[in-house]
């Protein structure tokens, strides 16, 4: 009865009541825009184990090339032969090695067997190799400037030994767990 009185009051006074009548919601207009079903973005796909292995495998020949470039120049240092050429070649090798190190540091390895250890060993091998390159460069420059009386830097053997140790560790994991499983060539620690 009270509701009927309110509807009658609106009709008699011509003013709307402060609360909508039950029939107002029934007569509301339908939405004019079509409804769409929500879409979900496809899950982002990251690298696969195969692509992670390929990335590392592509770096290994570069590392071997840097080593080969360095060998002839290093042989010239003790004999004080072709030092200006040796300095240039060692500097180029160190630049290449620095780029290889940066590349290796950026590798994603979460899908590879022992991937994080593999990456760590590779990064350590390249860091020690770069340190040794810098030692060779310092030695060649010293030989050039002081008339061939400089001895090799005291850290050279430590850096070479560290590089050899980590190259061997890397190659062991790579050859056993990655190369054979993903069809990549074996790594030779003496060729990195």
Protein backbone atom coordinates (compact mmCIF):
# COMPACT_ATOMS: atom_id res chain seq x y z
CA UNK A 1 0.00 0.00 0.00
CA UNK A 2 2.80 2.39 0.77
CA UNK A 3 4.37 1.73 -2.64
CA UNK A 4 1.09 2.40 -4.36
CA UNK A 5 0.80 5.66 -2.48
CA UNK A 6 4.28 6.75 -3.64
CA UNK A 7 3.44 5.99 -7.27
CA UNK A 8 0.17 7.85 -6.89
CA UNK A 9 1.99 10.77 -5.27
CA UNK A 10 4.33 11.02 -8.24
CA UNK A 11 1.43 10.98 -10.62
CA UNK A 12 -0.45 13.58 -8.60
CA UNK A 13 2.46 15.96 -8.02
CA UNK A 14 4.32 15.38 -11.27
CA UNK A 15 7.64 15.14 -9.43
CA UNK A 16 9.75 12.00 -9.45
CA UNK A 17 10.27 10.21 -6.21
CA UNK A 18 13.84 10.13 -4.88
CA UNK A 19 14.05 6.33 -5.23
CA UNK A 20 13.41 4.64 -8.55
CA UNK A 21 10.30 2.61 -8.92
CA UNK A 22 10.54 -1.14 -9.43
CA UNK A 23 9.44 -0.74 -13.06
CA UNK A 24 12.32 1.65 -13.90
CA UNK A 25 14.88 -1.12 -14.11
CA UNK A 26 12.68 -3.15 -16.41
CA UNK A 27 12.36 -0.33 -18.91
CA UNK A 28 16.06 0.67 -19.01
CA UNK A 29 17.53 0.67 -22.52
CA UNK A 30 19.76 -2.21 -23.63
CA UNK A 31 23.42 -1.48 -24.22
CA UNK A 32 24.15 -0.30 -27.74
CA UNK A 33 27.70 -1.67 -28.06
CA UNK A 34 28.14 -5.35 -28.79
CA UNK A 35 29.58 -7.43 -26.02
CA UNK A 36 32.96 -8.98 -26.61
CA UNK A 37 34.55 -11.89 -24.93
CA UNK A 38 37.73 -10.99 -23.10
CA UNK A 39 40.88 -12.20 -24.78
CA UNK A 40 43.93 -13.42 -22.99
CA UNK A 41 47.41 -12.86 -24.31
CA UNK A 42 49.28 -15.97 -25.29
CA UNK A 43 51.92 -16.84 -22.75
CA UNK A 44 55.30 -15.39 -23.67
CA UNK A 45 57.62 -18.01 -25.01
CA UNK A 46 61.21 -17.85 -23.91
CA UNK A 47 64.21 -19.53 -25.35
CA UNK A 48 64.23 -23.27 -25.70
CA UNK A 49 67.08 -25.46 -24.51
CA UNK A 50 68.04 -25.88 -28.16
CA UNK A 51 68.25 -22.13 -28.77
CA UNK A 52 70.27 -21.69 -25.57
CA UNK A 53 72.69 -24.41 -26.74
CA UNK A 54 72.91 -22.81 -30.21
CA UNK A 55 73.80 -19.43 -28.73
CA UNK A 56 76.68 -20.89 -26.73
CA UNK A 57 77.81 -23.05 -29.63
CA UNK A 58 77.98 -19.98 -31.88
CA UNK A 59 80.33 -18.26 -29.44
CA UNK A 60 82.85 -21.11 -29.22
CA UNK A 61 84.41 -20.64 -32.70
CA UNK A 62 84.85 -16.94 -31.94
CA UNK A 63 86.71 -17.83 -28.76
CA UNK A 64 88.90 -20.28 -30.68
CA UNK A 65 89.66 -17.58 -33.25
CA UNK A 66 90.69 -15.12 -30.53
CA UNK A 67 93.04 -17.72 -29.08
CA UNK A 68 94.64 -18.46 -32.45
CA UNK A 69 95.14 -14.74 -33.17
CA UNK A 70 96.89 -14.41 -29.84
CA UNK A 71 99.28 -17.37 -30.11
CA UNK A 72 101.64 -15.92 -32.73
CA UNK A 73 101.78 -12.52 -31.08
CA UNK A 74 102.51 -14.02 -27.66
CA UNK A 75 105.37 -16.08 -29.11
CA UNK A 76 107.01 -12.83 -30.27
CA UNK A 77 107.12 -11.20 -26.82
CA UNK A 78 109.97 -13.07 -25.09
CA UNK A 79 112.22 -12.83 -28.15
CA UNK A 80 111.37 -9.17 -28.62
CA UNK A 81 110.37 -9.77 -32.24
CA UNK A 82 107.72 -7.79 -34.13
CA UNK A 83 106.55 -6.09 -30.94
CA UNK A 84 104.50 -3.36 -32.60
CA UNK A 85 102.60 -6.03 -34.54
CA UNK A 86 102.31 -8.19 -31.40
CA UNK A 87 100.87 -5.27 -29.42
CA UNK A 88 98.29 -4.61 -32.13
CA UNK A 89 97.31 -8.29 -32.43
CA UNK A 90 97.08 -8.78 -28.67
CA UNK A 91 94.96 -5.64 -28.32
CA UNK A 92 92.61 -6.91 -31.03
CA UNK A 93 92.40 -10.29 -29.34
CA UNK A 94 91.65 -8.64 -25.98
CA UNK A 95 88.89 -6.55 -27.59
CA UNK A 96 87.38 -9.67 -29.14
CA UNK A 97 87.62 -11.55 -25.85
CA UNK A 98 85.92 -8.68 -24.03
CA UNK A 99 83.02 -8.87 -26.50
CA UNK A 100 82.84 -12.65 -26.07
CA UNK A 101 82.73 -12.21 -22.30
CA UNK A 102 79.88 -9.70 -22.57
CA UNK A 103 78.00 -12.06 -24.85
CA UNK A 104 78.48 -15.01 -22.49
CA UNK A 105 77.32 -12.97 -19.51
CA UNK A 106 74.03 -12.36 -21.31
CA UNK A 107 73.29 -15.99 -22.13
CA UNK A 108 70.04 -17.47 -20.90
CA UNK A 109 70.71 -21.01 -19.74
CA UNK A 110 67.79 -21.96 -17.52
CA UNK A 111 66.61 -24.76 -19.77
CA UNK A 112 70.00 -26.44 -20.28
CA UNK A 113 71.18 -29.29 -18.07
CA UNK A 114 73.57 -27.74 -15.52
CA UNK A 115 73.02 -24.50 -17.40
CA UNK A 116 73.94 -22.10 -14.63
CA UNK A 117 77.17 -23.95 -13.82
CA UNK A 118 77.94 -24.18 -17.53
CA UNK A 119 77.49 -20.44 -17.95
CA UNK A 120 79.48 -19.63 -14.83
CA UNK A 121 82.39 -21.80 -15.99
CA UNK A 122 82.34 -20.22 -19.44
CA UNK A 123 82.23 -16.69 -18.03
CA UNK A 124 85.08 -17.49 -15.63
CA UNK A 125 87.14 -19.02 -18.45
CA UNK A 126 86.64 -15.95 -20.62
CA UNK A 127 87.37 -13.56 -17.73
CA UNK A 128 90.64 -15.34 -16.89
CA UNK A 129 91.51 -15.42 -20.60
CA UNK A 130 90.85 -11.69 -20.89
CA UNK A 131 93.00 -11.06 -17.82
CA UNK A 132 95.79 -13.12 -19.42
CA UNK A 133 95.37 -11.16 -22.67
CA UNK A 134 95.80 -7.95 -20.69
CA UNK A 135 98.92 -9.39 -19.02
CA UNK A 136 100.38 -10.29 -22.42
CA UNK A 137 99.55 -6.82 -23.71
CA UNK A 138 101.23 -5.14 -20.73
CA UNK A 139 104.29 -7.34 -21.18
CA UNK A 140 104.55 -6.62 -24.93
CA UNK A 141 104.18 -2.87 -24.34
CA UNK A 142 106.81 -2.98 -21.59
CA UNK A 143 109.20 -4.93 -23.81
CA UNK A 144 108.65 -2.39 -26.56
CA UNK A 145 109.23 0.64 -24.33
CA UNK A 146 112.16 -0.54 -22.21
CA UNK A 147 114.28 -2.24 -24.84
CA UNK A 148 113.28 -5.82 -24.17
CA UNK A 149 114.32 -6.13 -20.53
CA UNK A 150 110.92 -6.73 -18.97
CA UNK A 151 109.86 -10.03 -17.52
CA UNK A 152 106.38 -11.41 -17.79
CA UNK A 153 103.75 -10.06 -15.38
CA UNK A 154 103.48 -11.97 -12.12
CA UNK A 155 99.76 -12.60 -12.64
CA UNK A 156 100.15 -14.16 -16.08
CA UNK A 157 100.54 -17.76 -14.93
CA UNK A 158 97.66 -17.45 -12.47
CA UNK A 159 95.38 -16.09 -15.18
CA UNK A 160 96.43 -18.74 -17.69
CA UNK A 161 95.92 -21.50 -15.11
CA UNK A 162 92.49 -20.13 -14.15
CA UNK A 163 91.47 -19.96 -17.80
CA UNK A 164 92.59 -23.54 -18.38
CA UNK A 165 90.77 -24.78 -15.27
CA UNK A 166 87.45 -23.17 -16.19
CA UNK A 167 87.71 -24.08 -19.87
CA UNK A 168 88.14 -27.71 -18.80
CA UNK A 169 85.17 -27.53 -16.43
CA UNK A 170 83.01 -25.89 -19.10
CA UNK A 171 84.01 -28.45 -21.77
CA UNK A 172 83.24 -31.34 -19.41
CA UNK A 173 79.67 -30.19 -18.81
CA UNK A 174 79.16 -29.06 -22.39
CA UNK A 175 80.40 -32.28 -23.97
CA UNK A 176 78.60 -34.61 -21.53
CA UNK A 177 75.27 -32.88 -21.06
CA UNK A 178 74.68 -30.42 -23.88
CA UNK A 179 76.58 -31.02 -27.12
CA UNK A 180 75.50 -34.62 -27.57
CA UNK A 181 71.90 -34.01 -26.48
CA UNK A 182 71.33 -30.96 -28.72
CA UNK A 183 73.49 -31.89 -31.71
CA UNK A 184 76.20 -29.30 -31.07
CA UNK A 185 79.93 -29.82 -31.63
CA UNK A 186 82.09 -30.78 -28.66
CA UNK A 187 84.20 -28.10 -27.01
CA UNK A 188 87.95 -28.54 -26.80
CA UNK A 189 89.38 -26.62 -23.85
CA UNK A 190 92.67 -26.21 -25.73
CA UNK A 191 90.84 -24.49 -28.56
CA UNK A 192 88.88 -21.89 -26.60
